[in-house]
Protein backbone atom coordinates (compact mmCIF):
# COMPACT_ATOMS: atom_id res chain seq x y z
CA MET A 1 9.39 -3.05 4.59
CA PHE A 2 8.24 -5.83 2.36
CA GLY A 3 8.25 -9.39 3.54
CA ALA A 4 8.29 -11.39 0.32
CA ALA A 5 9.93 -11.25 -3.08
CA ASN A 6 7.91 -9.73 -5.92
CA THR A 7 6.97 -12.55 -8.25
CA GLY A 8 5.24 -10.31 -10.74
CA ALA A 9 2.04 -10.50 -8.67
CA ASP A 10 1.12 -8.13 -5.88
CA ALA A 11 3.84 -6.90 -3.50
CA THR A 12 3.42 -8.23 0.02
CA VAL A 13 4.01 -6.10 3.13
CA GLY A 14 4.92 -7.97 6.31
CA THR A 15 2.96 -11.22 6.44
CA SER A 16 -0.63 -10.25 5.95
CA VAL A 17 -1.03 -7.13 3.75
CA THR A 18 -0.86 -7.20 0.00
CA LEU A 19 -0.40 -4.04 -2.04
CA SER A 20 -1.48 -3.64 -5.66
CA VAL A 21 -1.95 -0.69 -8.03
CA GLY A 22 -4.91 1.37 -6.92
CA ASN A 23 -4.72 0.65 -3.16
CA TYR A 24 -4.97 3.58 -0.82
CA LEU A 25 -2.63 4.06 2.13
CA GLN A 26 -3.02 6.24 5.20
CA PRO A 27 -0.74 6.92 8.20
CA ALA A 28 -1.69 4.97 11.30
CA ASP A 29 -2.80 7.18 14.16
CA ALA A 30 -0.47 5.61 16.74
CA THR A 31 2.73 5.23 14.70
CA GLY A 32 2.40 7.47 11.60
CA ILE A 33 3.45 4.51 9.42
CA LEU A 34 1.50 4.11 6.16
CA THR A 35 -1.06 1.33 6.32
CA LEU A 36 -3.57 -0.01 3.85
CA ALA A 37 -6.85 1.94 4.04
CA SER A 38 -9.56 -0.58 4.71
CA SER A 39 -13.18 -0.88 5.83
CA SER A 40 -14.00 -3.95 7.91
CA GLY A 41 -10.80 -5.59 6.68
CA THR A 42 -11.58 -4.96 2.94
CA PRO A 43 -9.32 -2.39 1.12
CA VAL A 44 -11.36 0.67 0.13
CA SER A 45 -11.72 1.30 -3.56
CA SER A 46 -12.42 5.04 -3.60
CA LEU A 47 -11.43 8.20 -1.78
CA SER A 48 -14.94 8.76 -0.51
CA GLY A 49 -15.01 8.59 3.28
CA LEU A 50 -11.22 8.89 3.66
CA THR A 51 -9.98 11.93 5.58
CA GLY A 52 -6.55 13.36 6.15
CA MET A 53 -3.48 12.46 4.05
CA VAL A 54 -3.96 9.62 1.61
CA TRP A 55 -1.50 8.00 -0.82
CA GLN A 56 -2.24 5.64 -3.71
CA VAL A 57 -0.10 2.87 -5.09
CA VAL A 58 0.58 3.80 -8.74
CA LYS A 59 3.18 1.24 -9.80
CA GLU A 60 4.64 -2.06 -8.65
CA TYR A 61 8.18 -3.07 -9.58
CA THR A 62 11.16 -5.16 -8.54
CA MET A 63 14.24 -3.38 -7.18
CA PRO A 64 17.72 -4.38 -8.41
CA ASP A 65 18.35 -6.56 -5.41
CA GLY A 66 15.14 -8.56 -6.11
CA THR A 67 12.99 -7.05 -3.39
CA PRO A 68 9.51 -5.78 -4.29
CA GLY A 69 8.80 -2.09 -4.39
CA VAL A 70 5.85 0.24 -5.02
CA LYS A 71 5.65 3.80 -6.18
CA ILE A 72 3.12 5.87 -4.30
CA GLN A 73 1.60 9.24 -5.04
CA ARG A 74 -0.18 11.51 -2.57
CA VAL A 75 -3.74 11.95 -3.74
CA GLN A 76 -5.24 13.79 -0.78
């Protein structure tokens, strides 16, 4: 679920995570919900070191009702 309207900039998830094209997402161990893959709080920029299922944000857009959306593709 996204917490803010897409203003043409990055889409925001909840209150603290910003998604943009190229970000990697992985399922959280406890919940299985996709979360931003990060190292020490910084989003990772390559697949190296990532294990298991990984998705990448490939497109940002605004849905017809004005809410932000992202298209993701499984890359690993």
